[in-house]
Amino acid sequence: QVQLVESGGGLVQPGGSLRLSCAASGTDFSFSMLAMAWYRQAPGNQRELVAAVYTGGTTNYAGAVKGRFIISRDNAKKQVYLQMNTLKPEDTAVYYCKAWRYGMEHWGKGTLVSVSS
């Protein structure tokens, strides 16, 4: 069973930056075999994909964050990161880390990001 723990959330002013981390454990196979993604859910909204990084390193981003957010992974450390720049109030949400492989999904408990002046 894969366990995921997010960290790095907090309160930031509009235009600021935050870096989220997601640490994975409990895998009996190489972390590099997992596809990883960040999702977010704002109050009253559905959970939505923010960014994903696949096993070969390919990435994709939601249109709302493209050019501002960068997803990356460190397979040796079993971590995935989300660098968030030029944050906007509409980026406020709980951010969740997701891992998947062969149809099996695993989720973290989330970390809150609040963007407000």
N, C-alpha and C. Protein backbone atom coordinates (compact mmCIF):
# COMPACT_ATOMS: atom_id res chain seq x y z
N GLN A 1 0.84 -1.17 0.00
CA GLN A 1 0.00 0.00 0.00
C GLN A 1 0.89 1.25 0.00
N VAL A 2 0.62 2.14 -0.93
CA VAL A 2 1.40 3.37 -1.04
C VAL A 2 0.81 4.43 -0.11
N GLN A 3 1.66 5.03 0.70
CA GLN A 3 1.24 6.15 1.53
C GLN A 3 1.85 7.43 0.97
N LEU A 4 1.03 8.48 0.94
CA LEU A 4 1.46 9.78 0.42
C LEU A 4 1.21 10.85 1.48
N VAL A 5 2.22 11.68 1.71
CA VAL A 5 2.09 12.76 2.69
C VAL A 5 2.50 14.07 2.04
N GLU A 6 1.55 15.00 1.99
CA GLU A 6 1.82 16.32 1.41
C GLU A 6 2.31 17.28 2.48
N SER A 7 3.09 18.26 2.06
CA SER A 7 3.53 19.32 2.96
C SER A 7 3.82 20.57 2.13
N GLY A 8 3.96 21.70 2.84
CA GLY A 8 4.34 22.94 2.17
C GLY A 8 3.23 23.95 1.97
N GLY A 9 2.00 23.58 2.32
CA GLY A 9 0.91 24.52 2.17
C GLY A 9 1.00 25.65 3.19
N GLY A 10 0.15 26.65 3.00
CA GLY A 10 0.13 27.77 3.93
C GLY A 10 -0.56 28.97 3.34
N LEU A 11 -0.42 30.09 4.02
CA LEU A 11 -1.02 31.35 3.57
C LEU A 11 0.04 32.18 2.85
N VAL A 12 -0.33 32.67 1.68
CA VAL A 12 0.59 33.47 0.88
C VAL A 12 -0.18 34.61 0.24
N GLN A 13 0.48 35.72 0.01
CA GLN A 13 -0.16 36.86 -0.64
C GLN A 13 -0.23 36.65 -2.15
N PRO A 14 -1.18 37.27 -2.79
CA PRO A 14 -1.24 37.19 -4.26
C PRO A 14 0.08 37.63 -4.88
N GLY A 15 0.51 36.86 -5.87
CA GLY A 15 1.79 37.11 -6.51
C GLY A 15 2.94 36.36 -5.90
N GLY A 16 2.70 35.74 -4.75
CA GLY A 16 3.75 35.01 -4.07
C GLY A 16 3.93 33.61 -4.61
N SER A 17 4.83 32.86 -3.95
CA SER A 17 5.18 31.51 -4.37
C SER A 17 5.12 30.55 -3.20
N LEU A 18 4.86 29.30 -3.51
CA LEU A 18 4.92 28.21 -2.54
C LEU A 18 5.43 26.98 -3.27
N ARG A 19 6.06 26.10 -2.51
CA ARG A 19 6.50 24.82 -3.06
C ARG A 19 5.90 23.70 -2.23
N LEU A 20 5.08 22.88 -2.86
CA LEU A 20 4.49 21.73 -2.20
C LEU A 20 5.36 20.50 -2.44
N SER A 21 5.38 19.64 -1.43
CA SER A 21 6.09 18.36 -1.54
C SER A 21 5.15 17.23 -1.22
N CYS A 22 5.40 16.10 -1.84
CA CYS A 22 4.64 14.88 -1.56
C CYS A 22 5.64 13.75 -1.41
N ALA A 23 5.67 13.14 -0.24
CA ALA A 23 6.59 12.04 0.03
C ALA A 23 5.84 10.73 -0.01
N ALA A 24 6.40 9.77 -0.72
CA ALA A 24 5.78 8.46 -0.87
C ALA A 24 6.53 7.42 -0.05
N SER A 25 5.78 6.46 0.48
CA SER A 25 6.39 5.35 1.20
C SER A 25 5.49 4.14 1.02
N GLY A 26 6.04 2.98 1.43
CA GLY A 26 5.22 1.77 1.41
C GLY A 26 5.21 1.04 0.09
N THR A 27 6.02 1.50 -0.85
CA THR A 27 6.03 0.82 -2.16
C THR A 27 6.97 -0.39 -2.11
N ASP A 28 6.52 -1.49 -2.71
CA ASP A 28 7.40 -2.64 -2.83
C ASP A 28 7.97 -2.73 -4.24
N PHE A 29 7.91 -1.61 -4.93
CA PHE A 29 8.48 -1.50 -6.26
C PHE A 29 9.09 -0.11 -6.37
N SER A 30 9.78 0.16 -7.46
CA SER A 30 10.45 1.44 -7.62
C SER A 30 9.44 2.59 -7.74
N PHE A 31 9.72 3.67 -7.02
CA PHE A 31 8.88 4.86 -7.09
C PHE A 31 8.77 5.37 -8.52
N SER A 32 9.81 5.16 -9.30
CA SER A 32 9.81 5.65 -10.67
C SER A 32 8.74 5.00 -11.53
N MET A 33 8.15 3.91 -11.05
CA MET A 33 7.12 3.22 -11.80
C MET A 33 5.72 3.81 -11.56
N LEU A 34 5.64 4.78 -10.67
CA LEU A 34 4.37 5.43 -10.37
C LEU A 34 4.21 6.70 -11.19
N ALA A 35 3.03 6.88 -11.75
CA ALA A 35 2.67 8.20 -12.27
C ALA A 35 2.20 9.03 -11.08
N MET A 36 2.51 10.32 -11.10
CA MET A 36 2.20 11.18 -9.97
C MET A 36 1.48 12.43 -10.44
N ALA A 37 0.63 12.96 -9.58
CA ALA A 37 -0.09 14.17 -9.96
C ALA A 37 -0.48 14.97 -8.73
N TRP A 38 -0.75 16.23 -8.97
CA TRP A 38 -1.33 17.12 -7.97
C TRP A 38 -2.75 17.47 -8.44
N TYR A 39 -3.69 17.37 -7.52
CA TYR A 39 -5.05 17.81 -7.72
C TYR A 39 -5.36 18.88 -6.68
N ARG A 40 -6.44 19.60 -6.91
CA ARG A 40 -6.87 20.56 -5.90
C ARG A 40 -8.39 20.60 -5.85
N GLN A 41 -8.88 20.98 -4.67
CA GLN A 41 -10.32 21.11 -4.48
C GLN A 41 -10.60 22.35 -3.66
N ALA A 42 -11.29 23.29 -4.28
CA ALA A 42 -11.71 24.50 -3.58
C ALA A 42 -13.10 24.27 -2.98
N PRO A 43 -13.47 25.02 -1.96
CA PRO A 43 -14.79 24.84 -1.33
C PRO A 43 -15.91 24.95 -2.37
N GLY A 44 -16.79 23.97 -2.37
CA GLY A 44 -17.92 23.98 -3.28
C GLY A 44 -17.61 23.51 -4.68
N ASN A 45 -16.35 23.17 -4.94
CA ASN A 45 -15.95 22.74 -6.28
C ASN A 45 -15.55 21.28 -6.29
N GLN A 46 -15.53 20.71 -7.47
CA GLN A 46 -15.03 19.35 -7.61
C GLN A 46 -13.51 19.34 -7.59
N ARG A 47 -12.95 18.19 -7.25
CA ARG A 47 -11.51 18.05 -7.31
C ARG A 47 -11.07 18.08 -8.77
N GLU A 48 -9.99 18.81 -9.04
CA GLU A 48 -9.53 18.96 -10.41
C GLU A 48 -8.03 18.72 -10.52
N LEU A 49 -7.63 18.23 -11.67
CA LEU A 49 -6.22 17.99 -11.93
C LEU A 49 -5.50 19.32 -12.08
N VAL A 50 -4.35 19.44 -11.42
CA VAL A 50 -3.50 20.62 -11.55
C VAL A 50 -2.34 20.31 -12.48
N ALA A 51 -1.62 19.24 -12.18
CA ALA A 51 -0.46 18.88 -12.98
C ALA A 51 -0.13 17.42 -12.75
N ALA A 52 0.48 16.79 -13.74
CA ALA A 52 0.87 15.40 -13.64
C ALA A 52 2.26 15.20 -14.22
N VAL A 53 2.97 14.23 -13.67
CA VAL A 53 4.26 13.83 -14.22
C VAL A 53 4.27 12.32 -14.31
N TYR A 54 4.57 11.80 -15.49
CA TYR A 54 4.46 10.38 -15.75
C TYR A 54 5.81 9.69 -15.56
N THR A 55 5.80 8.38 -15.73
CA THR A 55 6.99 7.60 -15.41
C THR A 55 8.17 7.99 -16.29
N GLY A 56 7.92 8.41 -17.50
CA GLY A 56 9.01 8.80 -18.40
C GLY A 56 9.43 10.24 -18.25
N GLY A 57 8.75 10.98 -17.35
CA GLY A 57 9.09 12.38 -17.12
C GLY A 57 8.20 13.36 -17.86
N THR A 58 7.33 12.87 -18.71
CA THR A 58 6.40 13.77 -19.40
C THR A 58 5.47 14.44 -18.40
N THR A 59 5.17 15.70 -18.65
CA THR A 59 4.30 16.45 -17.75
C THR A 59 3.11 17.03 -18.52
N ASN A 60 2.06 17.30 -17.79
CA ASN A 60 0.97 18.08 -18.36
C ASN A 60 0.32 18.91 -17.27
N TYR A 61 -0.28 20.01 -17.67
CA TYR A 61 -0.80 21.00 -16.74
C TYR A 61 -2.21 21.42 -17.12
N ALA A 62 -2.97 21.78 -16.10
CA ALA A 62 -4.25 22.42 -16.36
C ALA A 62 -3.99 23.80 -16.95
N GLY A 63 -4.91 24.23 -17.81
CA GLY A 63 -4.72 25.51 -18.46
C GLY A 63 -4.57 26.67 -17.50
N ALA A 64 -5.28 26.59 -16.37
CA ALA A 64 -5.28 27.70 -15.41
C ALA A 64 -3.94 27.91 -14.72
N VAL A 65 -3.08 26.88 -14.75
CA VAL A 65 -1.80 27.00 -14.04
C VAL A 65 -0.60 26.94 -14.97
N LYS A 66 -0.84 26.67 -16.24
CA LYS A 66 0.26 26.53 -17.19
C LYS A 66 1.06 27.83 -17.24
N GLY A 67 2.36 27.70 -17.15
CA GLY A 67 3.23 28.88 -17.15
C GLY A 67 3.51 29.44 -15.77
N ARG A 68 2.73 29.00 -14.78
CA ARG A 68 2.94 29.49 -13.40
C ARG A 68 3.41 28.38 -12.46
N PHE A 69 2.94 27.16 -12.68
CA PHE A 69 3.28 26.03 -11.81
C PHE A 69 4.22 25.08 -12.55
N ILE A 70 5.08 24.43 -11.77
CA ILE A 70 5.99 23.43 -12.32
C ILE A 70 5.95 22.19 -11.45
N ILE A 71 5.66 21.04 -12.06
CA ILE A 71 5.70 19.77 -11.35
C ILE A 71 7.02 19.08 -11.65
N SER A 72 7.58 18.44 -10.63
CA SER A 72 8.83 17.71 -10.82
C SER A 72 8.84 16.53 -9.85
N ARG A 73 9.75 15.61 -10.10
CA ARG A 73 9.87 14.45 -9.24
C ARG A 73 11.33 14.11 -9.00
N ASP A 74 11.59 13.54 -7.83
CA ASP A 74 12.92 13.03 -7.48
C ASP A 74 12.73 11.57 -7.12
N ASN A 75 13.03 10.70 -8.04
CA ASN A 75 12.78 9.27 -7.82
C ASN A 75 13.65 8.71 -6.70
N ALA A 76 14.85 9.22 -6.56
CA ALA A 76 15.74 8.72 -5.50
C ALA A 76 15.18 9.05 -4.12
N LYS A 77 14.55 10.22 -3.99
CA LYS A 77 13.97 10.62 -2.71
C LYS A 77 12.51 10.21 -2.57
N LYS A 78 11.94 9.63 -3.61
CA LYS A 78 10.53 9.23 -3.61
C LYS A 78 9.62 10.43 -3.31
N GLN A 79 9.88 11.52 -3.97
CA GLN A 79 9.10 12.73 -3.76
C GLN A 79 8.69 13.36 -5.08
N VAL A 80 7.58 14.06 -5.03
CA VAL A 80 7.12 14.87 -6.14
C VAL A 80 6.84 16.26 -5.60
N TYR A 81 7.09 17.26 -6.43
CA TYR A 81 7.00 18.65 -5.98
C TYR A 81 6.07 19.43 -6.90
N LEU A 82 5.52 20.50 -6.36
CA LEU A 82 4.77 21.44 -7.17
C LEU A 82 5.24 22.85 -6.79
N GLN A 83 5.99 23.45 -7.69
CA GLN A 83 6.42 24.83 -7.50
C GLN A 83 5.32 25.73 -8.05
N MET A 84 4.78 26.57 -7.19
CA MET A 84 3.66 27.43 -7.56
C MET A 84 4.12 28.89 -7.50
N ASN A 85 4.08 29.55 -8.62
CA ASN A 85 4.51 30.94 -8.72
C ASN A 85 3.34 31.82 -9.13
N THR A 86 3.49 33.10 -8.88
CA THR A 86 2.48 34.09 -9.25
C THR A 86 1.09 33.62 -8.81
N LEU A 87 0.99 33.27 -7.57
CA LEU A 87 -0.25 32.72 -7.04
C LEU A 87 -1.37 33.75 -7.06
N LYS A 88 -2.58 33.24 -7.30
CA LYS A 88 -3.77 34.07 -7.38
C LYS A 88 -4.77 33.60 -6.33
N PRO A 89 -5.69 34.47 -5.92
CA PRO A 89 -6.70 34.05 -4.94
C PRO A 89 -7.47 32.81 -5.40
N GLU A 90 -7.68 32.67 -6.68
CA GLU A 90 -8.42 31.50 -7.19
C GLU A 90 -7.62 30.21 -7.12
N ASP A 91 -6.36 30.28 -6.73
CA ASP A 91 -5.57 29.07 -6.49
C ASP A 91 -5.82 28.51 -5.09
N THR A 92 -6.56 29.22 -4.28
CA THR A 92 -6.88 28.74 -2.93
C THR A 92 -7.65 27.44 -2.99
N ALA A 93 -7.12 26.43 -2.30
CA ALA A 93 -7.73 25.10 -2.33
C ALA A 93 -6.93 24.17 -1.44
N VAL A 94 -7.49 23.00 -1.21
CA VAL A 94 -6.71 21.91 -0.63
C VAL A 94 -6.05 21.18 -1.79
N TYR A 95 -4.75 20.99 -1.70
CA TYR A 95 -3.99 20.34 -2.76
C TYR A 95 -3.67 18.91 -2.34
N TYR A 96 -3.99 17.98 -3.22
CA TYR A 96 -3.81 16.55 -2.95
C TYR A 96 -2.78 15.96 -3.92
N CYS A 97 -2.03 15.04 -3.39
CA CYS A 97 -1.08 14.26 -4.18
C CYS A 97 -1.73 12.92 -4.53
N LYS A 98 -1.54 12.50 -5.76
CA LYS A 98 -2.08 11.22 -6.22
C LYS A 98 -0.98 10.43 -6.90
N ALA A 99 -0.99 9.12 -6.64
CA ALA A 99 -0.08 8.20 -7.32
C ALA A 99 -0.92 7.10 -7.95
N TRP A 100 -0.52 6.64 -9.10
CA TRP A 100 -1.26 5.53 -9.70
C TRP A 100 -0.36 4.67 -10.58
N ARG A 101 -0.80 3.41 -10.69
CA ARG A 101 -0.07 2.42 -11.47
C ARG A 101 -1.00 1.26 -11.72
N TYR A 102 -1.15 0.88 -12.97
CA TYR A 102 -1.99 -0.24 -13.35
C TYR A 102 -3.41 -0.12 -12.78
N GLY A 103 -3.94 1.10 -12.82
CA GLY A 103 -5.33 1.29 -12.39
C GLY A 103 -5.51 1.43 -10.90
N MET A 104 -4.47 1.23 -10.11
CA MET A 104 -4.56 1.40 -8.66
C MET A 104 -4.19 2.84 -8.32
N GLU A 105 -5.08 3.52 -7.58
CA GLU A 105 -4.86 4.90 -7.20
C GLU A 105 -4.60 5.02 -5.70
N HIS A 106 -3.77 5.98 -5.35
CA HIS A 106 -3.47 6.28 -3.95
C HIS A 106 -3.49 7.79 -3.78
N TRP A 107 -4.06 8.24 -2.67
CA TRP A 107 -4.20 9.67 -2.42
C TRP A 107 -3.62 10.04 -1.06
N GLY A 108 -3.07 11.25 -0.99
CA GLY A 108 -2.70 11.81 0.29
C GLY A 108 -3.89 12.51 0.92
N LYS A 109 -3.68 13.06 2.11
CA LYS A 109 -4.77 13.71 2.83
C LYS A 109 -4.89 15.19 2.50
N GLY A 110 -3.94 15.74 1.79
CA GLY A 110 -4.04 17.10 1.32
C GLY A 110 -3.32 18.11 2.19
N THR A 111 -3.02 19.25 1.58
CA THR A 111 -2.43 20.38 2.28
C THR A 111 -3.12 21.65 1.77
N LEU A 112 -3.45 22.54 2.71
CA LEU A 112 -4.23 23.72 2.37
C LEU A 112 -3.34 24.85 1.89
N VAL A 113 -3.71 25.42 0.76
CA VAL A 113 -3.05 26.61 0.23
C VAL A 113 -4.08 27.74 0.20
N SER A 114 -3.76 28.82 0.87
CA SER A 114 -4.64 30.00 0.90
C SER A 114 -3.89 31.18 0.32
N VAL A 115 -4.49 31.81 -0.68
CA VAL A 115 -3.88 32.98 -1.31
C VAL A 115 -4.76 34.18 -1.03
N SER A 116 -4.26 35.06 -0.19
CA SER A 116 -5.06 36.19 0.24
C SER A 116 -4.17 37.32 0.74
N SER A 117 -4.65 38.55 0.56
CA SER A 117 -3.92 39.69 1.09
C SER A 117 -4.46 40.07 2.47
